Amino acid sequence: MYATWQLQSWRLAVLTFLVEDLDKRLVALEPLPGDGISAYHLTEEGFGYIGYGPDVELASKVAPGARLYKALSAREMRE
């Protein structure tokens, strides 16, 4: 559990550094959102977020403000 916490902390630190000077009107597109930690952090920072993958249940629970689609490719999620 400690190793998982360290990995998530590292991911959040890198993500925070990467989006520090970006315009908040931008939208992040992420394939395979996994645990949803990036989705949660980006939506909390005011960015838009779209994620897709074969299993987005966990990410949708962690980041309810993110737009998540159950799709195998970006082409499948076109609206």
C-alpha atoms as a PDB file:
ATOM      1  CA  MET A   1       0.000   0.000   0.000  1.00  0.00           C
ATOM      2  CA  TYR A   2       2.855   2.369   0.781  1.00  0.00           C
ATOM      3  CA  ALA A   3       4.369   1.804  -2.673  1.00  0.00           C
ATOM      4  CA  THR A   4       1.009   2.593  -4.299  1.00  0.00           C
ATOM      5  CA  TRP A   5       0.743   5.812  -2.304  1.00  0.00           C
ATOM      6  CA  GLN A   6       4.262   6.841  -3.367  1.00  0.00           C
ATOM      7  CA  LEU A   7       3.471   6.132  -7.026  1.00  0.00           C
ATOM      8  CA  GLN A   8       0.269   8.193  -6.893  1.00  0.00           C
ATOM      9  CA  SER A   9       2.075  11.060  -5.183  1.00  0.00           C
ATOM     10  CA  TRP A  10       4.742  11.002  -7.891  1.00  0.00           C
ATOM     11  CA  ARG A  11       2.114  10.953 -10.652  1.00  0.00           C
ATOM     12  CA  LEU A  12       0.296  13.918  -9.120  1.00  0.00           C
ATOM     13  CA  ALA A  13       3.522  15.887  -8.723  1.00  0.00           C
ATOM     14  CA  VAL A  14       4.440  15.351 -12.379  1.00  0.00           C
ATOM     15  CA  LEU A  15       0.914  16.166 -13.535  1.00  0.00           C
ATOM     16  CA  THR A  16       0.836  19.362 -11.470  1.00  0.00           C
ATOM     17  CA  PHE A  17       4.163  20.465 -12.948  1.00  0.00           C
ATOM     18  CA  LEU A  18       3.021  19.732 -16.514  1.00  0.00           C
ATOM     19  CA  VAL A  19      -0.226  21.714 -16.313  1.00  0.00           C
ATOM     20  CA  GLU A  20       1.054  24.571 -14.171  1.00  0.00           C
ATOM     21  CA  ASP A  21       1.150  27.216 -16.914  1.00  0.00           C
ATOM     22  CA  LEU A  22      -1.536  25.843 -19.244  1.00  0.00           C
ATOM     23  CA  ASP A  23      -4.778  27.586 -20.134  1.00  0.00           C
ATOM     24  CA  LYS A  24      -7.705  26.207 -18.100  1.00  0.00           C
ATOM     25  CA  ARG A  25      -9.872  26.108 -21.233  1.00  0.00           C
ATOM     26  CA  LEU A  26      -7.894  23.127 -22.507  1.00  0.00           C
ATOM     27  CA  VAL A  27      -9.325  19.622 -22.381  1.00  0.00           C
ATOM     28  CA  ALA A  28      -7.202  16.558 -21.634  1.00  0.00           C
ATOM     29  CA  LEU A  29      -7.854  13.375 -23.617  1.00  0.00           C
ATOM     30  CA  GLU A  30      -6.563  10.228 -21.951  1.00  0.00           C
ATOM     31  CA  PRO A  31      -6.876   6.658 -23.164  1.00  0.00           C
ATOM     32  CA  LEU A  32      -7.155   4.053 -20.408  1.00  0.00           C
ATOM     33  CA  PRO A  33      -7.879   6.332 -17.430  1.00  0.00           C
ATOM     34  CA  GLY A  34      -7.268   3.430 -15.038  1.00  0.00           C
ATOM     35  CA  ASP A  35      -7.748   4.489 -11.423  1.00  0.00           C
ATOM     36  CA  GLY A  36      -8.943   7.989 -12.348  1.00  0.00           C
ATOM     37  CA  ILE A  37      -6.335   9.894 -10.354  1.00  0.00           C
ATOM     38  CA  SER A  38      -5.366  12.050 -13.358  1.00  0.00           C
ATOM     39  CA  ALA A  39      -9.031  12.695 -14.159  1.00  0.00           C
ATOM     40  CA  TYR A  40      -9.725  13.737 -10.582  1.00  0.00           C
ATOM     41  CA  HIS A  41      -6.722  16.043 -10.354  1.00  0.00           C
ATOM     42  CA  LEU A  42      -7.331  17.737 -13.703  1.00  0.00           C
ATOM     43  CA  THR A  43     -11.035  18.357 -13.052  1.00  0.00           C
ATOM     44  CA  GLU A  44     -10.205  19.741  -9.615  1.00  0.00           C
ATOM     45  CA  GLU A  45      -7.689  22.115 -11.237  1.00  0.00           C
ATOM     46  CA  GLY A  46     -10.403  23.384 -13.602  1.00  0.00           C
ATOM     47  CA  PHE A  47      -9.442  21.561 -16.781  1.00  0.00           C
ATOM     48  CA  GLY A  48     -11.841  19.603 -18.928  1.00  0.00           C
ATOM     49  CA  TYR A  49     -11.201  15.879 -19.064  1.00  0.00           C
ATOM     50  CA  ILE A  50     -12.260  13.144 -21.467  1.00  0.00           C
ATOM     51  CA  GLY A  51     -11.127   9.577 -20.914  1.00  0.00           C
ATOM     52  CA  TYR A  52     -11.913   6.333 -22.676  1.00  0.00           C
ATOM     53  CA  GLY A  53     -11.132   2.682 -22.251  1.00  0.00           C
ATOM     54  CA  PRO A  54     -12.672  -0.755 -21.981  1.00  0.00           C
ATOM     55  CA  ASP A  55     -13.239  -0.337 -18.229  1.00  0.00           C
ATOM     56  CA  VAL A  56     -13.925   3.133 -16.813  1.00  0.00           C
ATOM     57  CA  GLU A  57     -15.977   2.182 -13.738  1.00  0.00           C
ATOM     58  CA  LEU A  58     -13.310   2.942 -11.143  1.00  0.00           C
ATOM     59  CA  ALA A  59     -12.325   6.223 -12.792  1.00  0.00           C
ATOM     60  CA  SER A  60     -15.970   7.338 -12.931  1.00  0.00           C
ATOM     61  CA  LYS A  61     -16.279   6.775  -9.174  1.00  0.00           C
ATOM     62  CA  VAL A  62     -13.034   8.589  -8.364  1.00  0.00           C
ATOM     63  CA  ALA A  63     -13.668  11.533 -10.730  1.00  0.00           C
ATOM     64  CA  PRO A  64     -17.414  12.087 -11.147  1.00  0.00           C
ATOM     65  CA  GLY A  65     -16.799  15.438 -12.888  1.00  0.00           C
ATOM     66  CA  ALA A  66     -14.875  13.855 -15.759  1.00  0.00           C
ATOM     67  CA  ARG A  67     -16.413  12.693 -19.020  1.00  0.00           C
ATOM     68  CA  LEU A  68     -15.582   9.015 -19.371  1.00  0.00           C
ATOM     69  CA  TYR A  69     -16.567   6.711 -22.202  1.00  0.00           C
ATOM     70  CA  LYS A  70     -16.480   2.944 -22.444  1.00  0.00           C
ATOM     71  CA  ALA A  71     -14.772   2.624 -25.827  1.00  0.00           C
ATOM     72  CA  LEU A  72     -11.762   0.885 -27.318  1.00  0.00           C
ATOM     73  CA  SER A  73     -10.690   3.867 -29.427  1.00  0.00           C
ATOM     74  CA  ALA A  74     -11.289   7.601 -29.712  1.00  0.00           C
ATOM     75  CA  ARG A  75     -13.184   6.956 -32.939  1.00  0.00           C
ATOM     76  CA  GLU A  76     -15.773   4.866 -31.044  1.00  0.00           C
ATOM     77  CA  MET A  77     -16.658   7.714 -28.686  1.00  0.00           C
ATOM     78  CA  ARG A  78     -17.569  10.309 -31.311  1.00  0.00           C
ATOM     79  CA  GLU A  79     -20.895  12.020 -30.631  1.00  0.00           C
END
